[in-house]
N, C-alpha and C. Protein backbone atom coordinates (compact mmCIF):
# COMPACT_ATOMS: atom_id res chain seq x y z
N UNK A 1 0.82 -1.19 0.00
CA UNK A 1 0.00 0.00 0.00
C UNK A 1 0.87 1.25 0.00
N UNK A 2 1.74 1.39 0.99
CA UNK A 2 2.52 2.61 1.11
C UNK A 2 3.95 2.26 1.47
N UNK A 3 4.87 3.02 0.93
CA UNK A 3 6.28 2.87 1.28
C UNK A 3 6.45 3.31 2.73
N UNK A 4 7.01 2.45 3.58
CA UNK A 4 7.18 2.77 5.00
C UNK A 4 8.57 3.31 5.31
N UNK A 5 9.30 3.73 4.28
CA UNK A 5 10.60 4.34 4.50
C UNK A 5 10.40 5.69 5.17
N UNK A 6 11.05 5.87 6.32
CA UNK A 6 10.88 7.11 7.07
C UNK A 6 11.63 8.26 6.39
N UNK A 7 11.01 9.41 6.41
CA UNK A 7 11.63 10.65 5.92
C UNK A 7 11.60 11.65 7.06
N UNK A 8 12.66 12.37 7.20
CA UNK A 8 12.69 13.41 8.22
C UNK A 8 12.11 14.68 7.62
N UNK A 9 11.13 15.23 8.29
CA UNK A 9 10.46 16.44 7.84
C UNK A 9 10.61 17.48 8.95
N UNK A 10 11.13 18.62 8.60
CA UNK A 10 11.31 19.68 9.58
C UNK A 10 10.57 20.92 9.14
N UNK A 11 9.96 21.59 10.09
CA UNK A 11 9.37 22.88 9.82
C UNK A 11 9.40 23.71 11.10
N UNK A 12 9.34 24.98 10.93
CA UNK A 12 9.41 25.90 12.07
C UNK A 12 8.17 26.78 12.06
N UNK A 13 7.57 26.90 13.23
CA UNK A 13 6.41 27.76 13.40
C UNK A 13 6.67 28.72 14.54
N UNK A 14 6.40 29.98 14.34
CA UNK A 14 6.50 30.96 15.42
C UNK A 14 5.10 31.17 15.97
N UNK A 15 4.82 30.55 17.12
CA UNK A 15 3.49 30.59 17.72
C UNK A 15 3.58 31.07 19.16
N UNK A 16 2.54 31.74 19.60
CA UNK A 16 2.44 32.08 21.02
C UNK A 16 2.08 30.80 21.78
N UNK A 17 2.18 30.85 23.08
CA UNK A 17 1.79 29.68 23.89
C UNK A 17 0.33 29.32 23.66
N UNK A 18 -0.51 30.34 23.54
CA UNK A 18 -1.94 30.10 23.31
C UNK A 18 -2.16 29.45 21.94
N UNK A 19 -1.47 29.93 20.93
CA UNK A 19 -1.60 29.34 19.58
C UNK A 19 -1.10 27.89 19.57
N UNK A 20 0.00 27.65 20.26
CA UNK A 20 0.53 26.30 20.34
C UNK A 20 -0.46 25.36 21.02
N UNK A 21 -1.06 25.84 22.09
CA UNK A 21 -2.06 25.03 22.80
C UNK A 21 -3.25 24.71 21.90
N UNK A 22 -3.70 25.70 21.12
CA UNK A 22 -4.83 25.47 20.21
C UNK A 22 -4.45 24.54 19.07
N UNK A 23 -3.23 24.65 18.58
CA UNK A 23 -2.75 23.74 17.54
C UNK A 23 -2.76 22.31 18.07
N UNK A 24 -2.27 22.12 19.28
CA UNK A 24 -2.26 20.78 19.86
C UNK A 24 -3.68 20.24 20.00
N UNK A 25 -4.62 21.10 20.44
CA UNK A 25 -6.02 20.66 20.56
C UNK A 25 -6.58 20.26 19.20
N UNK A 26 -6.28 21.03 18.17
CA UNK A 26 -6.77 20.71 16.82
C UNK A 26 -6.20 19.38 16.34
N UNK A 27 -4.93 19.15 16.60
CA UNK A 27 -4.31 17.89 16.19
C UNK A 27 -4.89 16.71 16.97
N UNK A 28 -5.16 16.91 18.26
CA UNK A 28 -5.78 15.85 19.06
C UNK A 28 -7.18 15.52 18.53
N UNK A 29 -7.94 16.54 18.14
CA UNK A 29 -9.27 16.30 17.56
C UNK A 29 -9.16 15.53 16.24
N UNK A 30 -8.21 15.92 15.41
CA UNK A 30 -8.01 15.22 14.14
C UNK A 30 -7.62 13.77 14.38
N UNK A 31 -6.75 13.54 15.35
CA UNK A 31 -6.32 12.17 15.66
C UNK A 31 -7.50 11.36 16.18
N UNK A 32 -8.35 11.95 17.00
CA UNK A 32 -9.53 11.24 17.51
C UNK A 32 -10.47 10.86 16.37
N UNK A 33 -10.60 11.75 15.40
CA UNK A 33 -11.43 11.45 14.23
C UNK A 33 -10.89 10.24 13.48
N UNK A 34 -9.58 10.21 13.28
CA UNK A 34 -8.97 9.07 12.57
C UNK A 34 -9.15 7.78 13.35
N UNK A 35 -9.02 7.85 14.68
CA UNK A 35 -9.23 6.66 15.50
C UNK A 35 -10.67 6.15 15.34
N UNK A 36 -11.62 7.07 15.30
CA UNK A 36 -13.01 6.68 15.08
C UNK A 36 -13.19 5.99 13.74
N UNK A 37 -12.53 6.50 12.69
CA UNK A 37 -12.61 5.87 11.37
C UNK A 37 -12.01 4.45 11.40
N UNK A 38 -10.88 4.31 12.07
CA UNK A 38 -10.23 2.99 12.17
C UNK A 38 -11.19 2.01 12.84
N UNK A 39 -11.73 2.40 13.96
CA UNK A 39 -12.62 1.51 14.72
C UNK A 39 -13.89 1.19 13.94
N UNK A 40 -14.46 2.19 13.28
CA UNK A 40 -15.69 1.96 12.51
C UNK A 40 -15.45 0.93 11.41
N UNK A 41 -14.33 1.05 10.73
CA UNK A 41 -14.03 0.11 9.65
C UNK A 41 -13.70 -1.28 10.21
N UNK A 42 -13.05 -1.34 11.35
CA UNK A 42 -12.74 -2.63 11.96
C UNK A 42 -14.03 -3.36 12.35
N UNK A 43 -14.99 -2.61 12.87
CA UNK A 43 -16.28 -3.22 13.23
C UNK A 43 -16.97 -3.75 11.99
N UNK A 44 -16.97 -2.97 10.92
CA UNK A 44 -17.61 -3.41 9.68
C UNK A 44 -16.91 -4.65 9.12
N UNK A 45 -15.58 -4.67 9.21
CA UNK A 45 -14.84 -5.84 8.73
C UNK A 45 -15.11 -7.06 9.58
N UNK A 46 -15.11 -6.90 10.89
CA UNK A 46 -15.32 -8.05 11.78
C UNK A 46 -16.75 -8.57 11.70
N UNK A 47 -17.69 -7.70 11.30
CA UNK A 47 -19.08 -8.11 11.14
C UNK A 47 -19.32 -8.78 9.79
N UNK A 48 -18.29 -8.85 8.96
CA UNK A 48 -18.42 -9.49 7.66
C UNK A 48 -19.17 -8.65 6.65
N UNK A 49 -19.06 -7.34 6.77
CA UNK A 49 -19.77 -6.42 5.90
C UNK A 49 -19.28 -6.54 4.45
N UNK A 50 -20.22 -6.63 3.53
CA UNK A 50 -19.93 -6.52 2.10
C UNK A 50 -19.26 -7.73 1.47
N UNK A 51 -19.05 -7.58 0.16
CA UNK A 51 -18.40 -8.63 -0.62
C UNK A 51 -16.89 -8.45 -0.56
N UNK A 52 -16.17 -9.27 -1.28
CA UNK A 52 -14.71 -9.23 -1.26
C UNK A 52 -14.13 -7.89 -1.67
N UNK A 53 -14.72 -7.30 -2.71
CA UNK A 53 -14.22 -6.00 -3.18
C UNK A 53 -14.46 -4.91 -2.13
N UNK A 54 -15.63 -4.94 -1.53
CA UNK A 54 -15.95 -3.95 -0.49
C UNK A 54 -15.04 -4.11 0.70
N UNK A 55 -14.80 -5.37 1.10
CA UNK A 55 -13.93 -5.62 2.25
C UNK A 55 -12.50 -5.18 1.96
N UNK A 56 -12.04 -5.39 0.74
CA UNK A 56 -10.70 -4.94 0.36
C UNK A 56 -10.60 -3.42 0.44
N UNK A 57 -11.64 -2.75 -0.02
CA UNK A 57 -11.68 -1.29 0.05
C UNK A 57 -11.69 -0.81 1.51
N UNK A 58 -12.46 -1.47 2.36
CA UNK A 58 -12.49 -1.12 3.79
C UNK A 58 -11.12 -1.31 4.43
N UNK A 59 -10.45 -2.40 4.08
CA UNK A 59 -9.11 -2.65 4.64
C UNK A 59 -8.14 -1.56 4.20
N UNK A 60 -8.23 -1.16 2.93
CA UNK A 60 -7.35 -0.11 2.41
C UNK A 60 -7.63 1.23 3.10
N UNK A 61 -8.90 1.56 3.26
CA UNK A 61 -9.28 2.81 3.93
C UNK A 61 -8.84 2.80 5.39
N UNK A 62 -9.00 1.67 6.06
CA UNK A 62 -8.57 1.56 7.45
C UNK A 62 -7.05 1.70 7.55
N UNK A 63 -6.33 1.16 6.61
CA UNK A 63 -4.87 1.28 6.60
C UNK A 63 -4.43 2.72 6.43
N UNK A 64 -5.11 3.46 5.54
CA UNK A 64 -4.78 4.87 5.35
C UNK A 64 -5.14 5.70 6.58
N UNK A 65 -6.27 5.37 7.23
CA UNK A 65 -6.64 6.07 8.46
C UNK A 65 -5.61 5.80 9.56
N UNK A 66 -5.10 4.58 9.61
CA UNK A 66 -4.07 4.25 10.60
C UNK A 66 -2.79 5.04 10.34
N UNK A 67 -2.42 5.18 9.08
CA UNK A 67 -1.25 5.99 8.74
C UNK A 67 -1.42 7.44 9.17
N UNK A 68 -2.62 7.99 8.93
CA UNK A 68 -2.88 9.36 9.35
C UNK A 68 -2.84 9.49 10.87
N UNK A 69 -3.42 8.52 11.56
CA UNK A 69 -3.41 8.52 13.03
C UNK A 69 -1.97 8.48 13.55
N UNK A 70 -1.17 7.61 12.98
CA UNK A 70 0.23 7.49 13.40
C UNK A 70 1.01 8.77 13.14
N UNK A 71 0.78 9.39 11.98
CA UNK A 71 1.48 10.63 11.65
C UNK A 71 1.07 11.75 12.60
N UNK A 72 -0.21 11.84 12.91
CA UNK A 72 -0.68 12.85 13.86
C UNK A 72 -0.10 12.60 15.25
N UNK A 73 -0.02 11.34 15.65
CA UNK A 73 0.57 11.01 16.95
C UNK A 73 2.03 11.45 17.02
N UNK A 74 2.76 11.20 15.95
CA UNK A 74 4.17 11.61 15.89
C UNK A 74 4.30 13.13 15.99
N UNK A 75 3.43 13.84 15.28
CA UNK A 75 3.45 15.30 15.31
C UNK A 75 3.11 15.83 16.71
N UNK A 76 2.11 15.27 17.33
CA UNK A 76 1.72 15.69 18.69
C UNK A 76 2.86 15.44 19.67
N UNK A 77 3.49 14.27 19.55
CA UNK A 77 4.63 13.96 20.43
C UNK A 77 5.77 14.96 20.22
N UNK A 78 6.01 15.33 18.97
CA UNK A 78 7.09 16.29 18.67
C UNK A 78 6.78 17.66 19.27
N UNK A 79 5.53 18.05 19.26
CA UNK A 79 5.15 19.34 19.83
C UNK A 79 5.35 19.37 21.35
N UNK A 80 5.25 18.23 21.98
CA UNK A 80 5.39 18.15 23.44
C UNK A 80 6.85 18.13 23.89
N UNK A 81 7.76 17.82 22.97
CA UNK A 81 9.17 17.81 23.34
C UNK A 81 9.66 19.23 23.56
N UNK A 82 10.61 19.39 24.49
CA UNK A 82 11.16 20.73 24.72
C UNK A 82 11.86 21.26 23.48
N UNK A 83 11.76 22.55 23.27
CA UNK A 83 12.43 23.19 22.13
C UNK A 83 13.94 23.09 22.30
N UNK A 84 14.61 22.91 21.18
CA UNK A 84 16.08 22.79 21.21
C UNK A 84 16.74 24.14 21.17
């Protein structure tokens, strides 16, 4: 599905403490949404929803949602680390 070779991505943001806190809240909300998508698709898969093609599509969508969840988790963790 996706190349799992890690790439280092760096960016710099000049934010106030309040802006940083709001950014973290927005990322947490986005991550929660992705977790909901993962769980919803897992329930549909475990319930035997759809034919083979539909199930393959659900598995692919769940995999992409997991990638987004993981990326958001990495970003949130990076925001919590002390500035260098």
